[in-house]
């Protein structure tokens, strides 16, 4: 189940937010070795201050948070524009009210589990990807933008929702990094639902309706 949390409402969800920030520290700081700021076991960056929309994957049996990610509009501050853009040889200029940026996609190490589908994708990964697509459709978003390392291409193929790479660089680390765009449409959602076996809405029933941008 996906629970959405608006950044401005984060104080109302202390357990979910603490779990997310601690998992981000473990994954991006400790495991991947990214240059991130970790304080008291939590990874928080300046973009958490711009009222993002968080998607948290909740285990319905235990109530524990097992995955999370962050969405921000490309019309405001975002990581591609401010941090990653200069590393790409091809000009990358994405700014539209119909495109959101996804960052900090994270399967939580202690609670994410190993359950997989016939395609090989983890249950948490499925729920997060389905959540992005369903939320974007509700909000009238046409595309999702993201920066990802090349090995993630295999993971996206397993979920039946692969991005179109629009830029690539080898200047960001040991592995090639891409800027990708994921097209949002009803056909994509239906395809992922069939492949995952998760045919009902993945969003928490009492999720607050999102205002449409288009």
C-alpha atoms as a PDB file:
ATOM      1  CA  UNK A   1       0.000   0.000   0.000  1.00  0.00           C
ATOM      2  CA  UNK A   2       1.244   3.486  -0.869  1.00  0.00           C
ATOM      3  CA  UNK A   3       0.755   6.276   1.658  1.00  0.00           C
ATOM      4  CA  UNK A   4       1.288   9.782   0.259  1.00  0.00           C
ATOM      5  CA  UNK A   5       2.724  12.478   2.507  1.00  0.00           C
ATOM      6  CA  UNK A   6       2.930  16.115   1.461  1.00  0.00           C
ATOM      7  CA  UNK A   7       6.078  17.758   2.764  1.00  0.00           C
ATOM      8  CA  UNK A   8       4.108  20.451   4.571  1.00  0.00           C
ATOM      9  CA  UNK A   9       2.232  17.695   6.438  1.00  0.00           C
ATOM     10  CA  UNK A  10       5.359  15.722   7.395  1.00  0.00           C
ATOM     11  CA  UNK A  11       5.103  16.522  11.144  1.00  0.00           C
ATOM     12  CA  UNK A  12       1.865  14.514  11.189  1.00  0.00           C
ATOM     13  CA  UNK A  13       3.790  11.388  10.091  1.00  0.00           C
ATOM     14  CA  UNK A  14       6.864  11.183  12.354  1.00  0.00           C
ATOM     15  CA  UNK A  15       7.227   7.390  12.163  1.00  0.00           C
ATOM     16  CA  UNK A  16       7.075   7.258   8.367  1.00  0.00           C
ATOM     17  CA  UNK A  17       9.409  10.233   7.907  1.00  0.00           C
ATOM     18  CA  UNK A  18      11.991   8.918  10.376  1.00  0.00           C
ATOM     19  CA  UNK A  19      11.968   5.496   8.687  1.00  0.00           C
ATOM     20  CA  UNK A  20      12.394   7.086   5.269  1.00  0.00           C
ATOM     21  CA  UNK A  21      15.282   9.364   6.219  1.00  0.00           C
ATOM     22  CA  UNK A  22      17.094   6.538   8.024  1.00  0.00           C
ATOM     23  CA  UNK A  23      16.690   4.219   5.055  1.00  0.00           C
ATOM     24  CA  UNK A  24      18.006   6.924   2.732  1.00  0.00           C
ATOM     25  CA  UNK A  25      21.106   7.236   4.908  1.00  0.00           C
ATOM     26  CA  UNK A  26      21.647   3.479   4.827  1.00  0.00           C
ATOM     27  CA  UNK A  27      21.136   3.132   1.062  1.00  0.00           C
ATOM     28  CA  UNK A  28      22.574   6.294  -0.455  1.00  0.00           C
ATOM     29  CA  UNK A  29      25.184   7.128   2.163  1.00  0.00           C
ATOM     30  CA  UNK A  30      26.412   3.801   3.499  1.00  0.00           C
ATOM     31  CA  UNK A  31      25.722   1.291   0.710  1.00  0.00           C
ATOM     32  CA  UNK A  32      26.157   3.404  -2.428  1.00  0.00           C
ATOM     33  CA  UNK A  33      28.682   5.837  -0.944  1.00  0.00           C
ATOM     34  CA  UNK A  34      27.080   8.957  -2.369  1.00  0.00           C
ATOM     35  CA  UNK A  35      28.207  12.351  -1.095  1.00  0.00           C
ATOM     36  CA  UNK A  36      25.155  12.996   1.069  1.00  0.00           C
ATOM     37  CA  UNK A  37      24.757  14.681   4.426  1.00  0.00           C
ATOM     38  CA  UNK A  38      23.897  12.296   7.267  1.00  0.00           C
ATOM     39  CA  UNK A  39      23.046  13.607  10.716  1.00  0.00           C
ATOM     40  CA  UNK A  40      21.945  11.438  13.607  1.00  0.00           C
ATOM     41  CA  UNK A  41      21.472   8.517  11.227  1.00  0.00           C
ATOM     42  CA  UNK A  42      19.199  10.395   8.802  1.00  0.00           C
ATOM     43  CA  UNK A  43      19.774  11.675   5.259  1.00  0.00           C
ATOM     44  CA  UNK A  44      17.976  14.945   4.594  1.00  0.00           C
ATOM     45  CA  UNK A  45      18.859  17.319   1.770  1.00  0.00           C
ATOM     46  CA  UNK A  46      17.777  20.867   0.771  1.00  0.00           C
ATOM     47  CA  UNK A  47      15.066  19.566  -1.571  1.00  0.00           C
ATOM     48  CA  UNK A  48      13.133  18.152   1.362  1.00  0.00           C
ATOM     49  CA  UNK A  49      12.400  21.777   2.258  1.00  0.00           C
ATOM     50  CA  UNK A  50      10.494  22.479  -1.000  1.00  0.00           C
ATOM     51  CA  UNK A  51       7.250  20.757  -0.014  1.00  0.00           C
ATOM     52  CA  UNK A  52       7.745  17.571  -2.059  1.00  0.00           C
ATOM     53  CA  UNK A  53       5.243  14.758  -2.296  1.00  0.00           C
ATOM     54  CA  UNK A  54       6.570  11.592  -0.662  1.00  0.00           C
ATOM     55  CA  UNK A  55       5.353   8.121  -1.517  1.00  0.00           C
ATOM     56  CA  UNK A  56       5.873   5.605   1.271  1.00  0.00           C
ATOM     57  CA  UNK A  57       5.261   1.886   0.804  1.00  0.00           C
ATOM     58  CA  UNK A  58       3.528   0.473   3.884  1.00  0.00           C
ATOM     59  CA  UNK A  59       3.344  -3.225   4.771  1.00  0.00           C
ATOM     60  CA  UNK A  60      -0.369  -3.671   5.476  1.00  0.00           C
ATOM     61  CA  UNK A  61       0.264  -6.526   7.948  1.00  0.00           C
ATOM     62  CA  UNK A  62       2.959  -4.866  10.074  1.00  0.00           C
ATOM     63  CA  UNK A  63       2.461  -1.168   9.341  1.00  0.00           C
ATOM     64  CA  UNK A  64       6.197  -0.796   8.722  1.00  0.00           C
ATOM     65  CA  UNK A  65       7.610   1.424   5.976  1.00  0.00           C
ATOM     66  CA  UNK A  66       9.405  -0.740   3.406  1.00  0.00           C
ATOM     67  CA  UNK A  67      10.126   1.737   0.607  1.00  0.00           C
ATOM     68  CA  UNK A  68       9.901   5.408  -0.295  1.00  0.00           C
ATOM     69  CA  UNK A  69      10.580   8.077  -2.904  1.00  0.00           C
ATOM     70  CA  UNK A  70      10.200  11.830  -3.467  1.00  0.00           C
ATOM     71  CA  UNK A  71       8.409  13.784  -6.195  1.00  0.00           C
ATOM     72  CA  UNK A  72       8.968  17.457  -7.051  1.00  0.00           C
ATOM     73  CA  UNK A  73       7.688  19.624  -9.916  1.00  0.00           C
ATOM     74  CA  UNK A  74      10.296  20.540 -12.511  1.00  0.00           C
ATOM     75  CA  UNK A  75       9.072  24.136 -12.488  1.00  0.00           C
ATOM     76  CA  UNK A  76      10.828  24.740  -9.163  1.00  0.00           C
ATOM     77  CA  UNK A  77      14.133  23.714  -7.566  1.00  0.00           C
ATOM     78  CA  UNK A  78      15.056  20.148  -8.454  1.00  0.00           C
ATOM     79  CA  UNK A  79      18.144  17.958  -8.481  1.00  0.00           C
ATOM     80  CA  UNK A  80      18.567  17.641 -12.252  1.00  0.00           C
ATOM     81  CA  UNK A  81      18.445  21.375 -12.767  1.00  0.00           C
ATOM     82  CA  UNK A  82      20.601  22.352  -9.795  1.00  0.00           C
ATOM     83  CA  UNK A  83      22.980  19.420  -9.284  1.00  0.00           C
ATOM     84  CA  UNK A  84      23.245  17.011 -12.200  1.00  0.00           C
ATOM     85  CA  UNK A  85      22.716  19.109 -15.335  1.00  0.00           C
ATOM     86  CA  UNK A  86      26.314  20.368 -15.760  1.00  0.00           C
ATOM     87  CA  UNK A  87      27.678  16.798 -15.831  1.00  0.00           C
ATOM     88  CA  UNK A  88      25.879  15.919 -19.070  1.00  0.00           C
ATOM     89  CA  UNK A  89      27.435  16.797 -22.415  1.00  0.00           C
ATOM     90  CA  UNK A  90      24.000  17.034 -24.036  1.00  0.00           C
ATOM     91  CA  UNK A  91      21.992  20.082 -22.897  1.00  0.00           C
ATOM     92  CA  UNK A  92      19.360  18.952 -20.413  1.00  0.00           C
ATOM     93  CA  UNK A  93      16.628  21.506 -19.806  1.00  0.00           C
ATOM     94  CA  UNK A  94      13.411  20.020 -18.453  1.00  0.00           C
ATOM     95  CA  UNK A  95      10.865  22.433 -17.020  1.00  0.00           C
ATOM     96  CA  UNK A  96       7.145  21.861 -17.375  1.00  0.00           C
ATOM     97  CA  UNK A  97       4.124  21.810 -15.056  1.00  0.00           C
ATOM     98  CA  UNK A  98       3.323  18.426 -16.639  1.00  0.00           C
ATOM     99  CA  UNK A  99       6.648  16.815 -15.655  1.00  0.00           C
ATOM    100  CA  UNK A 100       7.646  15.827 -12.123  1.00  0.00           C
ATOM    101  CA  UNK A 101      11.066  14.739 -10.907  1.00  0.00           C
ATOM    102  CA  UNK A 102      11.464  11.496  -8.948  1.00  0.00           C
ATOM    103  CA  UNK A 103      14.423  11.175  -6.576  1.00  0.00           C
ATOM    104  CA  UNK A 104      15.529   9.115  -3.575  1.00  0.00           C
ATOM    105  CA  UNK A 105      13.774   5.950  -4.814  1.00  0.00           C
ATOM    106  CA  UNK A 106      14.610   3.600  -1.989  1.00  0.00           C
ATOM    107  CA  UNK A 107      13.788   0.008  -0.994  1.00  0.00           C
ATOM    108  CA  UNK A 108      14.373   0.009   2.746  1.00  0.00           C
ATOM    109  CA  UNK A 109      17.116  -2.467   3.696  1.00  0.00           C
ATOM    110  CA  UNK A 110      15.607  -3.813   6.912  1.00  0.00           C
ATOM    111  CA  UNK A 111      11.953  -3.988   5.879  1.00  0.00           C
ATOM    112  CA  UNK A 112      11.892  -4.140   2.072  1.00  0.00           C
ATOM    113  CA  UNK A 113      11.762  -7.934   1.996  1.00  0.00           C
ATOM    114  CA  UNK A 114      12.630 -10.298  -0.835  1.00  0.00           C
ATOM    115  CA  UNK A 115       9.185 -11.041  -2.264  1.00  0.00           C
ATOM    116  CA  UNK A 116       9.331 -10.978  -6.047  1.00  0.00           C
ATOM    117  CA  UNK A 117       6.950 -11.507  -8.947  1.00  0.00           C
ATOM    118  CA  UNK A 118       7.300 -13.723 -12.016  1.00  0.00           C
ATOM    119  CA  UNK A 119       9.192 -10.889 -13.728  1.00  0.00           C
ATOM    120  CA  UNK A 120      11.818 -10.753 -10.972  1.00  0.00           C
ATOM    121  CA  UNK A 121      10.826  -7.328  -9.639  1.00  0.00           C
ATOM    122  CA  UNK A 122      10.500  -6.928  -5.883  1.00  0.00           C
ATOM    123  CA  UNK A 123       7.050  -6.345  -4.424  1.00  0.00           C
ATOM    124  CA  UNK A 124       8.174  -3.005  -2.947  1.00  0.00           C
ATOM    125  CA  UNK A 125       9.542  -1.879  -6.306  1.00  0.00           C
ATOM    126  CA  UNK A 126       6.240  -2.791  -7.974  1.00  0.00           C
ATOM    127  CA  UNK A 127       4.223  -0.840  -5.413  1.00  0.00           C
ATOM    128  CA  UNK A 128       6.395   2.259  -5.700  1.00  0.00           C
ATOM    129  CA  UNK A 129       6.308   2.224  -9.513  1.00  0.00           C
ATOM    130  CA  UNK A 130       2.552   1.648  -9.569  1.00  0.00           C
ATOM    131  CA  UNK A 131       2.165   4.429  -6.998  1.00  0.00           C
ATOM    132  CA  UNK A 132       4.111   6.913  -9.129  1.00  0.00           C
ATOM    133  CA  UNK A 133       2.032   6.129 -12.203  1.00  0.00           C
ATOM    134  CA  UNK A 134      -1.307   6.213 -10.401  1.00  0.00           C
ATOM    135  CA  UNK A 135      -0.536   9.452  -8.565  1.00  0.00           C
ATOM    136  CA  UNK A 136       0.728  11.097 -11.762  1.00  0.00           C
ATOM    137  CA  UNK A 137      -2.414  10.102 -13.641  1.00  0.00           C
ATOM    138  CA  UNK A 138      -4.607  11.555 -10.902  1.00  0.00           C
ATOM    139  CA  UNK A 139      -2.659  14.817 -10.977  1.00  0.00           C
ATOM    140  CA  UNK A 140      -2.614  15.157 -14.774  1.00  0.00           C
ATOM    141  CA  UNK A 141       1.140  14.626 -15.070  1.00  0.00           C
ATOM    142  CA  UNK A 142       2.346  13.435 -18.479  1.00  0.00           C
ATOM    143  CA  UNK A 143       5.935  12.422 -17.689  1.00  0.00           C
ATOM    144  CA  UNK A 144       8.275  11.598 -14.819  1.00  0.00           C
ATOM    145  CA  UNK A 145      11.906  12.681 -14.967  1.00  0.00           C
ATOM    146  CA  UNK A 146      14.691  10.864 -13.165  1.00  0.00           C
ATOM    147  CA  UNK A 147      18.452  10.344 -12.993  1.00  0.00           C
ATOM    148  CA  UNK A 148      19.574   6.728 -12.695  1.00  0.00           C
ATOM    149  CA  UNK A 149      22.656   4.546 -12.940  1.00  0.00           C
ATOM    150  CA  UNK A 150      22.832   2.232 -15.958  1.00  0.00           C
ATOM    151  CA  UNK A 151      22.234  -1.053 -14.045  1.00  0.00           C
ATOM    152  CA  UNK A 152      18.784   0.241 -13.055  1.00  0.00           C
ATOM    153  CA  UNK A 153      17.651  -0.248 -16.664  1.00  0.00           C
ATOM    154  CA  UNK A 154      17.231  -3.973 -15.912  1.00  0.00           C
ATOM    155  CA  UNK A 155      15.049  -3.192 -12.892  1.00  0.00           C
ATOM    156  CA  UNK A 156      12.787  -0.874 -14.884  1.00  0.00           C
ATOM    157  CA  UNK A 157      12.364  -3.491 -17.611  1.00  0.00           C
ATOM    158  CA  UNK A 158      11.131  -5.954 -14.998  1.00  0.00           C
ATOM    159  CA  UNK A 159       8.386  -3.523 -14.001  1.00  0.00           C
ATOM    160  CA  UNK A 160       7.312  -3.030 -17.618  1.00  0.00           C
ATOM    161  CA  UNK A 161       7.842   0.745 -17.328  1.00  0.00           C
ATOM    162  CA  UNK A 162      11.162   1.775 -18.849  1.00  0.00           C
ATOM    163  CA  UNK A 163      12.310   5.360 -19.346  1.00  0.00           C
ATOM    164  CA  UNK A 164      13.556   6.910 -22.556  1.00  0.00           C
ATOM    165  CA  UNK A 165      17.147   8.002 -21.985  1.00  0.00           C
ATOM    166  CA  UNK A 166      17.676  11.573 -23.172  1.00  0.00           C
ATOM    167  CA  UNK A 167      21.220  12.117 -21.847  1.00  0.00           C
ATOM    168  CA  UNK A 168      24.123  10.036 -20.532  1.00  0.00           C
ATOM    169  CA  UNK A 169      27.332  10.806 -18.653  1.00  0.00           C
ATOM    170  CA  UNK A 170      30.281   8.968 -17.147  1.00  0.00           C
ATOM    171  CA  UNK A 171      31.338  11.936 -15.018  1.00  0.00           C
ATOM    172  CA  UNK A 172      29.196  11.263 -11.951  1.00  0.00           C
ATOM    173  CA  UNK A 173      30.757   8.097 -10.557  1.00  0.00           C
ATOM    174  CA  UNK A 174      31.984   4.619 -11.369  1.00  0.00           C
ATOM    175  CA  UNK A 175      28.933   3.751 -13.490  1.00  0.00           C
ATOM    176  CA  UNK A 176      27.309   5.571 -16.434  1.00  0.00           C
ATOM    177  CA  UNK A 177      24.363   7.738 -15.389  1.00  0.00           C
ATOM    178  CA  UNK A 178      21.311   8.599 -17.491  1.00  0.00           C
ATOM    179  CA  UNK A 179      18.574  11.211 -17.477  1.00  0.00           C
ATOM    180  CA  UNK A 180      15.335   9.472 -18.385  1.00  0.00           C
ATOM    181  CA  UNK A 181      11.709  10.329 -19.020  1.00  0.00           C
ATOM    182  CA  UNK A 182       8.900   7.920 -18.163  1.00  0.00           C
ATOM    183  CA  UNK A 183       5.658   8.456 -20.102  1.00  0.00           C
ATOM    184  CA  UNK A 184       2.553   8.400 -17.911  1.00  0.00           C
ATOM    185  CA  UNK A 185      -0.637   6.938 -19.364  1.00  0.00           C
ATOM    186  CA  UNK A 186      -3.425   4.498 -18.610  1.00  0.00           C
ATOM    187  CA  UNK A 187      -1.895   1.833 -20.835  1.00  0.00           C
ATOM    188  CA  UNK A 188       1.303   1.820 -18.809  1.00  0.00           C
ATOM    189  CA  UNK A 189      -0.599   1.473 -15.539  1.00  0.00           C
ATOM    190  CA  UNK A 190      -2.670  -1.403 -16.933  1.00  0.00           C
ATOM    191  CA  UNK A 191       0.452  -3.161 -18.248  1.00  0.00           C
ATOM    192  CA  UNK A 192       2.179  -2.941 -14.848  1.00  0.00           C
ATOM    193  CA  UNK A 193      -0.933  -4.141 -13.052  1.00  0.00           C
ATOM    194  CA  UNK A 194      -1.151  -7.214 -15.277  1.00  0.00           C
ATOM    195  CA  UNK A 195       2.526  -8.063 -14.906  1.00  0.00           C
ATOM    196  CA  UNK A 196       2.585  -7.528 -11.124  1.00  0.00           C
ATOM    197  CA  UNK A 197      -0.765  -9.117 -10.330  1.00  0.00           C
ATOM    198  CA  UNK A 198      -1.655  -5.986  -8.318  1.00  0.00           C
ATOM    199  CA  UNK A 199      -4.851  -5.048 -10.125  1.00  0.00           C
ATOM    200  CA  UNK A 200      -6.554  -2.800  -7.561  1.00  0.00           C
ATOM    201  CA  UNK A 201      -5.467   0.730  -6.687  1.00  0.00           C
ATOM    202  CA  UNK A 202      -2.214   0.651  -4.739  1.00  0.00           C
ATOM    203  CA  UNK A 203      -2.971   3.939  -2.969  1.00  0.00           C
ATOM    204  CA  UNK A 204      -4.173   4.103   0.614  1.00  0.00           C
ATOM    205  CA  UNK A 205      -7.992   4.422   0.497  1.00  0.00           C
ATOM    206  CA  UNK A 206      -8.085   7.627   2.545  1.00  0.00           C
ATOM    207  CA  UNK A 207      -5.379   9.328   0.470  1.00  0.00           C
ATOM    208  CA  UNK A 208      -6.099  13.038   0.039  1.00  0.00           C
ATOM    209  CA  UNK A 209      -7.165  13.900  -3.543  1.00  0.00           C
ATOM    210  CA  UNK A 210      -4.486  15.672  -5.557  1.00  0.00           C
ATOM    211  CA  UNK A 211      -5.153  18.894  -7.415  1.00  0.00           C
ATOM    212  CA  UNK A 212      -4.752  18.392 -11.149  1.00  0.00           C
ATOM    213  CA  UNK A 213      -2.138  20.507 -12.887  1.00  0.00           C
ATOM    214  CA  UNK A 214      -3.769  20.089 -16.287  1.00  0.00           C
END
